[in-house]
C-alpha atoms as a PDB file:
ATOM      1  CA  UNK A   1      28.193 -15.748   8.283  1.00  0.00           C
ATOM      2  CA  UNK A   2      27.213 -18.562  10.878  1.00  0.00           C
ATOM      3  CA  UNK A   3      27.140 -15.715  13.653  1.00  0.00           C
ATOM      4  CA  UNK A   4      25.448 -13.122  11.521  1.00  0.00           C
ATOM      5  CA  UNK A   5      22.714 -15.742  10.518  1.00  0.00           C
ATOM      6  CA  UNK A   6      22.301 -16.904  14.116  1.00  0.00           C
ATOM      7  CA  UNK A   7      21.841 -13.070  15.089  1.00  0.00           C
ATOM      8  CA  UNK A   8      18.868 -12.793  12.422  1.00  0.00           C
ATOM      9  CA  UNK A   9      17.534 -15.716  13.840  1.00  0.00           C
ATOM     10  CA  UNK A  10      17.373 -14.254  17.022  1.00  0.00           C
ATOM     11  CA  UNK A  11      16.151 -11.065  15.931  1.00  0.00           C
ATOM     12  CA  UNK A  12      13.645 -12.709  13.982  1.00  0.00           C
ATOM     13  CA  UNK A  13      12.239 -14.571  17.213  1.00  0.00           C
ATOM     14  CA  UNK A  14      12.339 -11.768  18.919  1.00  0.00           C
ATOM     15  CA  UNK A  15      10.093  -9.900  16.402  1.00  0.00           C
ATOM     16  CA  UNK A  16       7.885 -12.766  15.926  1.00  0.00           C
ATOM     17  CA  UNK A  17       6.500 -11.875  19.767  1.00  0.00           C
ATOM     18  CA  UNK A  18       5.647  -8.438  18.621  1.00  0.00           C
ATOM     19  CA  UNK A  19       2.457  -7.569  18.316  1.00  0.00           C
ATOM     20  CA  UNK A  20      -0.239  -4.834  17.424  1.00  0.00           C
ATOM     21  CA  UNK A  21      -0.070  -3.366  21.035  1.00  0.00           C
ATOM     22  CA  UNK A  22       3.586  -3.597  20.671  1.00  0.00           C
ATOM     23  CA  UNK A  23       3.449  -1.476  17.665  1.00  0.00           C
ATOM     24  CA  UNK A  24       1.057   1.306  19.625  1.00  0.00           C
ATOM     25  CA  UNK A  25       3.231   1.558  22.534  1.00  0.00           C
ATOM     26  CA  UNK A  26       6.611   2.336  20.432  1.00  0.00           C
ATOM     27  CA  UNK A  27       4.832   4.894  18.162  1.00  0.00           C
ATOM     28  CA  UNK A  28       6.552   8.116  18.932  1.00  0.00           C
ATOM     29  CA  UNK A  29       5.369  11.502  18.982  1.00  0.00           C
ATOM     30  CA  UNK A  30       4.025  13.153  15.962  1.00  0.00           C
ATOM     31  CA  UNK A  31       3.866  16.858  15.324  1.00  0.00           C
ATOM     32  CA  UNK A  32       0.498  18.570  14.466  1.00  0.00           C
ATOM     33  CA  UNK A  33       1.496  18.861  10.778  1.00  0.00           C
ATOM     34  CA  UNK A  34       2.416  15.428  10.777  1.00  0.00           C
ATOM     35  CA  UNK A  35      -0.975  14.284  11.778  1.00  0.00           C
ATOM     36  CA  UNK A  36      -2.769  16.951   9.467  1.00  0.00           C
ATOM     37  CA  UNK A  37      -0.948  15.349   6.410  1.00  0.00           C
ATOM     38  CA  UNK A  38      -1.655  11.663   7.784  1.00  0.00           C
ATOM     39  CA  UNK A  39      -5.383  13.023   7.642  1.00  0.00           C
ATOM     40  CA  UNK A  40      -5.382  15.116   4.158  1.00  0.00           C
ATOM     41  CA  UNK A  41      -3.396  11.903   2.567  1.00  0.00           C
ATOM     42  CA  UNK A  42      -5.810   9.462   3.738  1.00  0.00           C
ATOM     43  CA  UNK A  43      -9.085  11.134   3.025  1.00  0.00           C
ATOM     44  CA  UNK A  44      -8.010  12.124  -0.452  1.00  0.00           C
ATOM     45  CA  UNK A  45      -7.534   8.515  -1.047  1.00  0.00           C
ATOM     46  CA  UNK A  46     -10.579   7.567   0.830  1.00  0.00           C
ATOM     47  CA  UNK A  47     -12.607  10.609  -1.569  1.00  0.00           C
ATOM     48  CA  UNK A  48     -10.774   9.473  -4.466  1.00  0.00           C
ATOM     49  CA  UNK A  49     -11.522   5.619  -4.675  1.00  0.00           C
ATOM     50  CA  UNK A  50     -15.241   6.608  -3.657  1.00  0.00           C
ATOM     51  CA  UNK A  51     -15.886   8.713  -6.982  1.00  0.00           C
ATOM     52  CA  UNK A  52     -13.821   6.352  -8.788  1.00  0.00           C
ATOM     53  CA  UNK A  53     -16.374   3.454  -7.409  1.00  0.00           C
ATOM     54  CA  UNK A  54     -19.360   5.801  -8.815  1.00  0.00           C
ATOM     55  CA  UNK A  55     -17.828   6.639 -12.185  1.00  0.00           C
ATOM     56  CA  UNK A  56     -16.882   3.124 -12.644  1.00  0.00           C
ATOM     57  CA  UNK A  57     -20.755   2.145 -12.063  1.00  0.00           C
ATOM     58  CA  UNK A  58     -21.457   4.814 -14.558  1.00  0.00           C
ATOM     59  CA  UNK A  59     -19.482   2.923 -17.260  1.00  0.00           C
ATOM     60  CA  UNK A  60     -16.767   5.467 -17.494  1.00  0.00           C
ATOM     61  CA  UNK A  61     -14.013   2.968 -16.172  1.00  0.00           C
ATOM     62  CA  UNK A  62     -13.474  -0.326 -18.284  1.00  0.00           C
ATOM     63  CA  UNK A  63     -12.176  -3.539 -17.215  1.00  0.00           C
ATOM     64  CA  UNK A  64     -10.957  -4.201 -13.389  1.00  0.00           C
ATOM     65  CA  UNK A  65     -10.742  -2.019 -10.473  1.00  0.00           C
ATOM     66  CA  UNK A  66      -9.897  -2.508  -6.982  1.00  0.00           C
ATOM     67  CA  UNK A  67     -10.741  -0.244  -4.541  1.00  0.00           C
ATOM     68  CA  UNK A  68      -8.435   0.602  -1.499  1.00  0.00           C
ATOM     69  CA  UNK A  69     -11.093   1.822   0.778  1.00  0.00           C
ATOM     70  CA  UNK A  70     -10.364   1.226   4.523  1.00  0.00           C
ATOM     71  CA  UNK A  71      -6.885   0.139   4.154  1.00  0.00           C
ATOM     72  CA  UNK A  72      -5.752   4.032   3.872  1.00  0.00           C
ATOM     73  CA  UNK A  73      -3.529   3.954   7.049  1.00  0.00           C
ATOM     74  CA  UNK A  74      -1.254   1.337   5.439  1.00  0.00           C
ATOM     75  CA  UNK A  75       0.314   3.631   2.620  1.00  0.00           C
ATOM     76  CA  UNK A  76       0.119   6.716   4.056  1.00  0.00           C
ATOM     77  CA  UNK A  77       1.946   5.503   7.727  1.00  0.00           C
ATOM     78  CA  UNK A  78       4.606   3.703   5.342  1.00  0.00           C
ATOM     79  CA  UNK A  79       5.191   6.554   2.879  1.00  0.00           C
ATOM     80  CA  UNK A  80       6.250   8.839   5.906  1.00  0.00           C
ATOM     81  CA  UNK A  81       8.620   6.435   6.963  1.00  0.00           C
ATOM     82  CA  UNK A  82      10.416   6.752   3.623  1.00  0.00           C
ATOM     83  CA  UNK A  83      12.270   9.103   1.729  1.00  0.00           C
ATOM     84  CA  UNK A  84      11.559  10.711  -1.987  1.00  0.00           C
ATOM     85  CA  UNK A  85      14.106   8.599  -3.807  1.00  0.00           C
ATOM     86  CA  UNK A  86      13.026   5.530  -2.126  1.00  0.00           C
ATOM     87  CA  UNK A  87      11.369   2.784  -4.662  1.00  0.00           C
ATOM     88  CA  UNK A  88       7.671   1.504  -4.004  1.00  0.00           C
ATOM     89  CA  UNK A  89       5.863  -1.146  -6.012  1.00  0.00           C
ATOM     90  CA  UNK A  90       2.802  -3.441  -5.582  1.00  0.00           C
ATOM     91  CA  UNK A  91       0.172  -5.237  -6.663  1.00  0.00           C
ATOM     92  CA  UNK A  92      -3.090  -4.256  -8.463  1.00  0.00           C
ATOM     93  CA  UNK A  93      -4.819  -2.413  -5.768  1.00  0.00           C
ATOM     94  CA  UNK A  94      -2.971   0.301  -6.388  1.00  0.00           C
ATOM     95  CA  UNK A  95      -4.506   3.601  -6.493  1.00  0.00           C
ATOM     96  CA  UNK A  96      -3.710   4.488  -2.784  1.00  0.00           C
ATOM     97  CA  UNK A  97      -0.206   3.849  -3.293  1.00  0.00           C
ATOM     98  CA  UNK A  98       0.065   6.271  -6.273  1.00  0.00           C
ATOM     99  CA  UNK A  99      -1.708   8.890  -4.041  1.00  0.00           C
ATOM    100  CA  UNK A 100       0.640   8.232  -1.401  1.00  0.00           C
ATOM    101  CA  UNK A 101       3.627   8.597  -3.457  1.00  0.00           C
ATOM    102  CA  UNK A 102       2.419  12.181  -4.664  1.00  0.00           C
ATOM    103  CA  UNK A 103       1.413  11.276  -7.908  1.00  0.00           C
ATOM    104  CA  UNK A 104      -1.186  13.540  -9.438  1.00  0.00           C
ATOM    105  CA  UNK A 105      -4.997  12.737  -8.945  1.00  0.00           C
ATOM    106  CA  UNK A 106      -5.549  14.001 -12.403  1.00  0.00           C
ATOM    107  CA  UNK A 107      -3.448  11.532 -14.075  1.00  0.00           C
ATOM    108  CA  UNK A 108      -4.656   8.787 -12.356  1.00  0.00           C
ATOM    109  CA  UNK A 109      -8.108   9.190 -12.748  1.00  0.00           C
ATOM    110  CA  UNK A 110      -7.280  10.010 -16.318  1.00  0.00           C
ATOM    111  CA  UNK A 111      -5.456   6.413 -16.513  1.00  0.00           C
ATOM    112  CA  UNK A 112      -8.473   4.794 -15.038  1.00  0.00           C
ATOM    113  CA  UNK A 113     -10.979   5.974 -17.788  1.00  0.00           C
ATOM    114  CA  UNK A 114      -8.388   5.007 -20.280  1.00  0.00           C
ATOM    115  CA  UNK A 115      -7.447   8.427 -21.431  1.00  0.00           C
ATOM    116  CA  UNK A 116      -4.447  10.411 -23.171  1.00  0.00           C
ATOM    117  CA  UNK A 117      -3.773  12.169 -19.812  1.00  0.00           C
ATOM    118  CA  UNK A 118      -3.287   9.441 -17.727  1.00  0.00           C
ATOM    119  CA  UNK A 119      -0.068   7.852 -16.458  1.00  0.00           C
ATOM    120  CA  UNK A 120       0.401   5.253 -19.118  1.00  0.00           C
ATOM    121  CA  UNK A 121      -1.440   7.376 -21.635  1.00  0.00           C
ATOM    122  CA  UNK A 122      -4.610   5.715 -21.126  1.00  0.00           C
ATOM    123  CA  UNK A 123      -3.322   1.940 -22.240  1.00  0.00           C
ATOM    124  CA  UNK A 124      -2.376   0.397 -18.822  1.00  0.00           C
ATOM    125  CA  UNK A 125      -6.072   1.019 -16.753  1.00  0.00           C
ATOM    126  CA  UNK A 126      -6.305   0.670 -12.918  1.00  0.00           C
ATOM    127  CA  UNK A 127      -3.709  -1.955 -12.703  1.00  0.00           C
ATOM    128  CA  UNK A 128      -0.829  -0.840 -14.564  1.00  0.00           C
ATOM    129  CA  UNK A 129       0.733   2.901 -13.815  1.00  0.00           C
ATOM    130  CA  UNK A 130       4.107   3.907 -13.120  1.00  0.00           C
ATOM    131  CA  UNK A 131       5.906   7.157 -12.361  1.00  0.00           C
ATOM    132  CA  UNK A 132       9.464   7.671 -12.736  1.00  0.00           C
ATOM    133  CA  UNK A 133       9.167  10.993 -11.205  1.00  0.00           C
ATOM    134  CA  UNK A 134       7.766   9.681  -7.951  1.00  0.00           C
ATOM    135  CA  UNK A 135       9.846   6.419  -8.348  1.00  0.00           C
ATOM    136  CA  UNK A 136       6.719   4.574  -8.286  1.00  0.00           C
ATOM    137  CA  UNK A 137       7.197   0.982 -10.243  1.00  0.00           C
ATOM    138  CA  UNK A 138       3.603  -0.220 -10.593  1.00  0.00           C
ATOM    139  CA  UNK A 139       0.844  -1.396 -10.022  1.00  0.00           C
ATOM    140  CA  UNK A 140       1.298  -5.081 -11.536  1.00  0.00           C
ATOM    141  CA  UNK A 141      -1.884  -7.368 -12.595  1.00  0.00           C
ATOM    142  CA  UNK A 142      -0.252 -10.701 -11.894  1.00  0.00           C
ATOM    143  CA  UNK A 143      -0.768 -11.938  -8.643  1.00  0.00           C
ATOM    144  CA  UNK A 144       2.988 -11.917  -6.752  1.00  0.00           C
ATOM    145  CA  UNK A 145       4.698 -10.768  -9.688  1.00  0.00           C
ATOM    146  CA  UNK A 146       5.751  -7.443  -7.708  1.00  0.00           C
ATOM    147  CA  UNK A 147       7.212  -9.538  -5.241  1.00  0.00           C
ATOM    148  CA  UNK A 148      10.642 -10.780  -7.532  1.00  0.00           C
ATOM    149  CA  UNK A 149      10.701  -7.333  -9.146  1.00  0.00           C
ATOM    150  CA  UNK A 150      10.586  -5.269  -5.788  1.00  0.00           C
ATOM    151  CA  UNK A 151      13.390  -7.484  -4.890  1.00  0.00           C
ATOM    152  CA  UNK A 152      15.450  -6.722  -8.010  1.00  0.00           C
ATOM    153  CA  UNK A 153      14.743  -3.224  -7.341  1.00  0.00           C
ATOM    154  CA  UNK A 154      16.601  -3.602  -3.833  1.00  0.00           C
ATOM    155  CA  UNK A 155      19.316  -5.499  -5.857  1.00  0.00           C
ATOM    156  CA  UNK A 156      19.874  -2.412  -8.231  1.00  0.00           C
ATOM    157  CA  UNK A 157      19.909  -0.439  -5.323  1.00  0.00           C
ATOM    158  CA  UNK A 158      22.349  -2.090  -3.319  1.00  0.00           C
ATOM    159  CA  UNK A 159      24.810  -2.901  -6.608  1.00  0.00           C
ATOM    160  CA  UNK A 160      24.922   0.857  -7.167  1.00  0.00           C
ATOM    161  CA  UNK A 161      26.217   1.766  -3.763  1.00  0.00           C
ATOM    162  CA  UNK A 162      22.740   3.602  -3.016  1.00  0.00           C
ATOM    163  CA  UNK A 163      21.296   4.342   0.529  1.00  0.00           C
ATOM    164  CA  UNK A 164      17.775   4.161  -0.967  1.00  0.00           C
ATOM    165  CA  UNK A 165      15.215   1.516  -0.077  1.00  0.00           C
ATOM    166  CA  UNK A 166      12.443  -0.333  -1.571  1.00  0.00           C
ATOM    167  CA  UNK A 167       8.950  -0.782  -0.336  1.00  0.00           C
ATOM    168  CA  UNK A 168       7.264  -3.755  -2.164  1.00  0.00           C
ATOM    169  CA  UNK A 169       3.904  -4.723  -1.118  1.00  0.00           C
ATOM    170  CA  UNK A 170       1.766  -7.446  -2.002  1.00  0.00           C
ATOM    171  CA  UNK A 171      -1.711  -8.847  -0.653  1.00  0.00           C
ATOM    172  CA  UNK A 172      -2.618 -12.004   1.732  1.00  0.00           C
ATOM    173  CA  UNK A 173      -3.363 -14.204  -1.280  1.00  0.00           C
ATOM    174  CA  UNK A 174       0.179 -13.558  -2.667  1.00  0.00           C
ATOM    175  CA  UNK A 175       2.129 -14.924   0.232  1.00  0.00           C
ATOM    176  CA  UNK A 176       1.400 -18.589  -0.817  1.00  0.00           C
ATOM    177  CA  UNK A 177       3.281 -18.320  -3.881  1.00  0.00           C
ATOM    178  CA  UNK A 178       6.628 -19.992  -4.624  1.00  0.00           C
ATOM    179  CA  UNK A 179       8.316 -16.498  -6.076  1.00  0.00           C
ATOM    180  CA  UNK A 180       7.461 -14.994  -2.852  1.00  0.00           C
ATOM    181  CA  UNK A 181      10.105 -17.339  -1.082  1.00  0.00           C
ATOM    182  CA  UNK A 182      12.752 -17.389  -3.487  1.00  0.00           C
ATOM    183  CA  UNK A 183      12.685 -13.548  -3.499  1.00  0.00           C
ATOM    184  CA  UNK A 184      12.762 -13.828   0.620  1.00  0.00           C
ATOM    185  CA  UNK A 185      15.691 -16.244   0.202  1.00  0.00           C
ATOM    186  CA  UNK A 186      17.820 -13.987  -2.004  1.00  0.00           C
ATOM    187  CA  UNK A 187      16.832 -10.857  -0.377  1.00  0.00           C
ATOM    188  CA  UNK A 188      18.502 -12.453   3.093  1.00  0.00           C
ATOM    189  CA  UNK A 189      21.530 -14.347   1.354  1.00  0.00           C
ATOM    190  CA  UNK A 190      22.577 -10.791  -0.187  1.00  0.00           C
ATOM    191  CA  UNK A 191      21.405  -8.223   2.445  1.00  0.00           C
ATOM    192  CA  UNK A 192      19.078  -6.474   0.164  1.00  0.00           C
ATOM    193  CA  UNK A 193      17.483  -3.211   1.102  1.00  0.00           C
ATOM    194  CA  UNK A 194      13.592  -4.389   0.771  1.00  0.00           C
ATOM    195  CA  UNK A 195      10.449  -4.036   3.314  1.00  0.00           C
ATOM    196  CA  UNK A 196       8.173  -6.270   2.477  1.00  0.00           C
ATOM    197  CA  UNK A 197       4.862  -5.285   3.226  1.00  0.00           C
ATOM    198  CA  UNK A 198       1.871  -7.932   3.585  1.00  0.00           C
ATOM    199  CA  UNK A 199      -1.463  -6.252   3.219  1.00  0.00           C
ATOM    200  CA  UNK A 200      -3.454  -8.773   5.003  1.00  0.00           C
ATOM    201  CA  UNK A 201      -7.372  -7.578   4.329  1.00  0.00           C
ATOM    202  CA  UNK A 202      -8.490 -11.140   5.801  1.00  0.00           C
ATOM    203  CA  UNK A 203     -10.074 -12.338   2.400  1.00  0.00           C
ATOM    204  CA  UNK A 204      -7.356 -11.846  -0.429  1.00  0.00           C
ATOM    205  CA  UNK A 205      -9.559 -12.572  -3.483  1.00  0.00           C
ATOM    206  CA  UNK A 206     -12.614 -14.214  -1.644  1.00  0.00           C
ATOM    207  CA  UNK A 207     -11.040 -16.952   0.361  1.00  0.00           C
ATOM    208  CA  UNK A 208     -10.454 -16.716   4.090  1.00  0.00           C
ATOM    209  CA  UNK A 209      -6.756 -16.216   5.393  1.00  0.00           C
ATOM    210  CA  UNK A 210      -7.872 -18.932   7.974  1.00  0.00           C
ATOM    211  CA  UNK A 211      -9.272 -21.432   4.651  1.00  0.00           C
ATOM    212  CA  UNK A 212      -6.011 -20.889   2.464  1.00  0.00           C
ATOM    213  CA  UNK A 213      -2.912 -20.361   4.786  1.00  0.00           C
ATOM    214  CA  UNK A 214      -1.524 -23.187   7.158  1.00  0.00           C
ATOM    215  CA  UNK A 215       0.328 -20.608   8.648  1.00  0.00           C
ATOM    216  CA  UNK A 216      -2.092 -17.322   9.391  1.00  0.00           C
ATOM    217  CA  UNK A 217       0.496 -15.497  11.254  1.00  0.00           C
ATOM    218  CA  UNK A 218       1.628 -13.983   8.027  1.00  0.00           C
ATOM    219  CA  UNK A 219       4.987 -11.786   9.522  1.00  0.00           C
ATOM    220  CA  UNK A 220       6.209 -15.127  10.449  1.00  0.00           C
ATOM    221  CA  UNK A 221       7.101 -16.121   6.808  1.00  0.00           C
ATOM    222  CA  UNK A 222      10.336 -15.277   6.807  1.00  0.00           C
ATOM    223  CA  UNK A 223      11.464 -17.302   9.983  1.00  0.00           C
ATOM    224  CA  UNK A 224      13.123 -20.134   7.626  1.00  0.00           C
ATOM    225  CA  UNK A 225      14.989 -17.519   5.752  1.00  0.00           C
ATOM    226  CA  UNK A 226      15.910 -15.567   9.182  1.00  0.00           C
ATOM    227  CA  UNK A 227      14.292 -12.295   7.930  1.00  0.00           C
ATOM    228  CA  UNK A 228      12.511 -10.406  10.901  1.00  0.00           C
ATOM    229  CA  UNK A 229       8.945  -9.916  10.849  1.00  0.00           C
ATOM    230  CA  UNK A 230       6.408  -8.055  13.182  1.00  0.00           C
ATOM    231  CA  UNK A 231       2.821  -7.876  12.679  1.00  0.00           C
ATOM    232  CA  UNK A 232       0.906  -4.149  13.166  1.00  0.00           C
ATOM    233  CA  UNK A 233      -2.515  -2.790  13.410  1.00  0.00           C
ATOM    234  CA  UNK A 234      -2.817  -1.540   9.752  1.00  0.00           C
ATOM    235  CA  UNK A 235      -5.984   0.403  10.746  1.00  0.00           C
ATOM    236  CA  UNK A 236      -3.695   2.850  12.707  1.00  0.00           C
ATOM    237  CA  UNK A 237      -1.402   5.239  10.838  1.00  0.00           C
ATOM    238  CA  UNK A 238       0.341   5.795  14.134  1.00  0.00           C
ATOM    239  CA  UNK A 239       1.324   2.287  14.618  1.00  0.00           C
ATOM    240  CA  UNK A 240       1.698   1.949  10.761  1.00  0.00           C
ATOM    241  CA  UNK A 241       4.247   5.258  10.736  1.00  0.00           C
ATOM    242  CA  UNK A 242       6.123   3.835  13.941  1.00  0.00           C
ATOM    243  CA  UNK A 243       6.300   0.081  12.694  1.00  0.00           C
ATOM    244  CA  UNK A 244       7.382   1.341   9.056  1.00  0.00           C
ATOM    245  CA  UNK A 245      10.350   3.752  10.631  1.00  0.00           C
ATOM    246  CA  UNK A 246      11.766   0.966  12.490  1.00  0.00           C
ATOM    247  CA  UNK A 247      11.883  -1.396   9.583  1.00  0.00           C
ATOM    248  CA  UNK A 248      12.965   1.455   7.014  1.00  0.00           C
ATOM    249  CA  UNK A 249      15.675   2.258   9.654  1.00  0.00           C
ATOM    250  CA  UNK A 250      16.892  -1.424   9.955  1.00  0.00           C
ATOM    251  CA  UNK A 251      17.096  -2.006   6.546  1.00  0.00           C
ATOM    252  CA  UNK A 252      18.875   1.463   5.569  1.00  0.00           C
ATOM    253  CA  UNK A 253      21.543   0.189   8.129  1.00  0.00           C
ATOM    254  CA  UNK A 254      22.240  -2.812   5.792  1.00  0.00           C
ATOM    255  CA  UNK A 255      20.999  -5.326   7.671  1.00  0.00           C
ATOM    256  CA  UNK A 256      18.941  -6.879   5.119  1.00  0.00           C
ATOM    257  CA  UNK A 257      15.292  -7.603   4.268  1.00  0.00           C
ATOM    258  CA  UNK A 258      12.173  -6.766   6.666  1.00  0.00           C
ATOM    259  CA  UNK A 259       8.697  -7.992   6.797  1.00  0.00           C
ATOM    260  CA  UNK A 260       5.857  -6.176   8.118  1.00  0.00           C
ATOM    261  CA  UNK A 261       2.295  -7.584   8.294  1.00  0.00           C
ATOM    262  CA  UNK A 262      -0.990  -5.075   8.150  1.00  0.00           C
ATOM    263  CA  UNK A 263      -3.355  -6.296   9.664  1.00  0.00           C
ATOM    264  CA  UNK A 264      -6.090  -4.382   7.549  1.00  0.00           C
ATOM    265  CA  UNK A 265      -9.728  -4.575   5.994  1.00  0.00           C
ATOM    266  CA  UNK A 266     -11.222  -3.910   2.649  1.00  0.00           C
ATOM    267  CA  UNK A 267     -14.765  -2.362   2.931  1.00  0.00           C
ATOM    268  CA  UNK A 268     -15.405  -3.051  -0.585  1.00  0.00           C
ATOM    269  CA  UNK A 269     -15.378  -6.367  -2.785  1.00  0.00           C
ATOM    270  CA  UNK A 270     -12.321  -7.693  -4.285  1.00  0.00           C
ATOM    271  CA  UNK A 271     -12.783  -5.473  -7.280  1.00  0.00           C
ATOM    272  CA  UNK A 272     -15.689  -3.977  -8.414  1.00  0.00           C
ATOM    273  CA  UNK A 273     -17.136  -6.762  -9.854  1.00  0.00           C
ATOM    274  CA  UNK A 274     -17.317  -8.701  -6.599  1.00  0.00           C
ATOM    275  CA  UNK A 275     -20.734  -8.797  -4.862  1.00  0.00           C
ATOM    276  CA  UNK A 276     -18.262 -10.127  -1.638  1.00  0.00           C
ATOM    277  CA  UNK A 277     -21.037 -12.925  -0.608  1.00  0.00           C
ATOM    278  CA  UNK A 278     -18.373 -14.683   1.065  1.00  0.00           C
ATOM    279  CA  UNK A 279     -18.564 -12.485   4.434  1.00  0.00           C
ATOM    280  CA  UNK A 280     -21.802 -10.863   6.126  1.00  0.00           C
ATOM    281  CA  UNK A 281     -22.755  -7.077   5.841  1.00  0.00           C
ATOM    282  CA  UNK A 282     -22.657  -7.506   9.966  1.00  0.00           C
ATOM    283  CA  UNK A 283     -18.901  -8.101   9.656  1.00  0.00           C
ATOM    284  CA  UNK A 284     -18.298  -5.325   7.458  1.00  0.00           C
ATOM    285  CA  UNK A 285     -20.199  -2.848   9.321  1.00  0.00           C
ATOM    286  CA  UNK A 286     -19.084  -3.542  12.765  1.00  0.00           C
ATOM    287  CA  UNK A 287     -15.065  -3.302  11.443  1.00  0.00           C
ATOM    288  CA  UNK A 288     -16.221   0.106   9.759  1.00  0.00           C
ATOM    289  CA  UNK A 289     -17.829   1.509  12.897  1.00  0.00           C
ATOM    290  CA  UNK A 290     -14.985   0.207  15.291  1.00  0.00           C
ATOM    291  CA  UNK A 291     -11.937   0.401  13.461  1.00  0.00           C
ATOM    292  CA  UNK A 292     -11.966   2.689  10.883  1.00  0.00           C
ATOM    293  CA  UNK A 293      -8.777   4.557  10.099  1.00  0.00           C
ATOM    294  CA  UNK A 294      -9.627   7.743   9.159  1.00  0.00           C
ATOM    295  CA  UNK A 295     -12.737   8.159  11.569  1.00  0.00           C
ATOM    296  CA  UNK A 296      -9.909   7.085  14.595  1.00  0.00           C
ATOM    297  CA  UNK A 297      -7.713   9.576  13.363  1.00  0.00           C
ATOM    298  CA  UNK A 298     -10.224  12.353  12.927  1.00  0.00           C
ATOM    299  CA  UNK A 299     -11.457  11.701  16.693  1.00  0.00           C
ATOM    300  CA  UNK A 300      -8.117  11.832  17.610  1.00  0.00           C
ATOM    301  CA  UNK A 301      -7.539  15.262  15.893  1.00  0.00           C
ATOM    302  CA  UNK A 302     -10.655  16.424  17.482  1.00  0.00           C
ATOM    303  CA  UNK A 303      -9.668  15.210  20.991  1.00  0.00           C
ATOM    304  CA  UNK A 304      -6.326  16.831  21.092  1.00  0.00           C
ATOM    305  CA  UNK A 305      -7.683  20.005  19.672  1.00  0.00           C
ATOM    306  CA  UNK A 306      -5.290  19.697  16.503  1.00  0.00           C
ATOM    307  CA  UNK A 307      -8.064  20.899  14.653  1.00  0.00           C
ATOM    308  CA  UNK A 308     -12.180  21.746  14.965  1.00  0.00           C
ATOM    309  CA  UNK A 309     -14.866  20.378  13.438  1.00  0.00           C
ATOM    310  CA  UNK A 310     -15.351  23.229  11.105  1.00  0.00           C
ATOM    311  CA  UNK A 311     -11.807  22.815   9.759  1.00  0.00           C
ATOM    312  CA  UNK A 312     -11.895  19.435   9.111  1.00  0.00           C
ATOM    313  CA  UNK A 313     -15.287  19.550   7.148  1.00  0.00           C
ATOM    314  CA  UNK A 314     -13.190  22.285   4.942  1.00  0.00           C
ATOM    315  CA  UNK A 315     -10.455  20.060   4.341  1.00  0.00           C
ATOM    316  CA  UNK A 316     -12.918  17.504   3.058  1.00  0.00           C
ATOM    317  CA  UNK A 317     -14.417  20.375   1.090  1.00  0.00           C
ATOM    318  CA  UNK A 318     -10.909  21.036  -0.562  1.00  0.00           C
ATOM    319  CA  UNK A 319     -10.247  17.219  -1.026  1.00  0.00           C
ATOM    320  CA  UNK A 320     -13.537  16.650  -2.789  1.00  0.00           C
ATOM    321  CA  UNK A 321     -13.208  19.376  -5.072  1.00  0.00           C
ATOM    322  CA  UNK A 322      -9.812  18.376  -6.118  1.00  0.00           C
ATOM    323  CA  UNK A 323     -11.300  14.669  -6.964  1.00  0.00           C
ATOM    324  CA  UNK A 324     -13.748  16.565  -9.209  1.00  0.00           C
ATOM    325  CA  UNK A 325     -11.579  18.274 -10.875  1.00  0.00           C
ATOM    326  CA  UNK A 326      -9.592  14.995 -11.477  1.00  0.00           C
ATOM    327  CA  UNK A 327     -12.744  13.542 -12.971  1.00  0.00           C
ATOM    328  CA  UNK A 328     -13.470  16.549 -15.072  1.00  0.00           C
ATOM    329  CA  UNK A 329      -9.790  16.522 -16.494  1.00  0.00           C
ATOM    330  CA  UNK A 330     -10.233  12.832 -17.316  1.00  0.00           C
ATOM    331  CA  UNK A 331     -13.777  13.546 -19.110  1.00  0.00           C
ATOM    332  CA  UNK A 332     -11.945  15.999 -21.279  1.00  0.00           C
ATOM    333  CA  UNK A 333      -8.581  14.211 -22.015  1.00  0.00           C
ATOM    334  CA  UNK A 334      -8.887  12.701 -25.287  1.00  0.00           C
ATOM    335  CA  UNK A 335      -8.658   8.904 -26.027  1.00  0.00           C
ATOM    336  CA  UNK A 336      -5.173   7.590 -26.871  1.00  0.00           C
ATOM    337  CA  UNK A 337      -4.887   7.626 -30.936  1.00  0.00           C
ATOM    338  CA  UNK A 338      -4.511   4.283 -32.593  1.00  0.00           C
ATOM    339  CA  UNK A 339      -0.704   4.931 -33.272  1.00  0.00           C
ATOM    340  CA  UNK A 340      -0.308   5.062 -29.661  1.00  0.00           C
ATOM    341  CA  UNK A 341      -0.735   0.841 -29.684  1.00  0.00           C
ATOM    342  CA  UNK A 342       2.811   0.500 -30.793  1.00  0.00           C
ATOM    343  CA  UNK A 343       4.654   3.625 -28.408  1.00  0.00           C
ATOM    344  CA  UNK A 344       6.835   2.272 -25.580  1.00  0.00           C
ATOM    345  CA  UNK A 345       6.360  -1.311 -26.356  1.00  0.00           C
ATOM    346  CA  UNK A 346       9.917  -3.123 -26.017  1.00  0.00           C
ATOM    347  CA  UNK A 347      10.626  -5.513 -28.777  1.00  0.00           C
END
């Protein structure tokens, strides 16, 4: 056990030296089909979230609504590293995770609008959707709650002798919570098959990481538990996919948990009700102009002659039609019946 811990400590120290550039250099070559899927899935999330923002402003979505615009490369890159049998769990900024897992945009949009055709039958809303078929376990509105739950999913996988793993997402605002470190400790003690993905969009709910965290290099948060970590350019889908594969291979081999800190950025406020006055428009515009994950991939596809400009425009039209159909489905789906309040309740 001592030798194993020492070995892990060395691995952690080695991984602590990893950088965004390191992840890029390690990126394998991707096929034309993989690159096209990256683009399609990221653009679907972007267009879906833009439409969700529009209909929220029209009063068709009630309650909280946290958009994923800007962070698309994280979930799309990580999804490429796992199988359909692996489990995914996340916090409340979750629409992108659902779509990346293959959940139907119609069901997601219907749930956002509180309709019977939604994934939680209109009772969960933006933050509480699940799909057993897609092995997607939420969508959790309590900050940090998904981390012990995700650790429990990994425990179940190991207990049952499965080769499946769990992706457990969290934000930078979550990592200062005690339950996160309890989870890291247990996961390492029991060699649980879980990849903890920290989506560091720099501001959590509205406070800069520099003002809220004594240790701002969040991938190092597992050091005291001998959990290896790596920092990744979360705006580059190739870097995410490469780092994701490395982490998933490590975890699936029975070596225990792994931490990936994705350096990403959200363009909108924390939620639709957040004016985001804690950062300047110039900062957001600069980030979007220089580091947008979809624009970067689009230019790569044009430069490498993977698709033409007209073909990419056609993909955009196709996706906009899918999103429009989702909105139409949601609007035509009835509201839940009053008796639905008493179904699916564990007592």
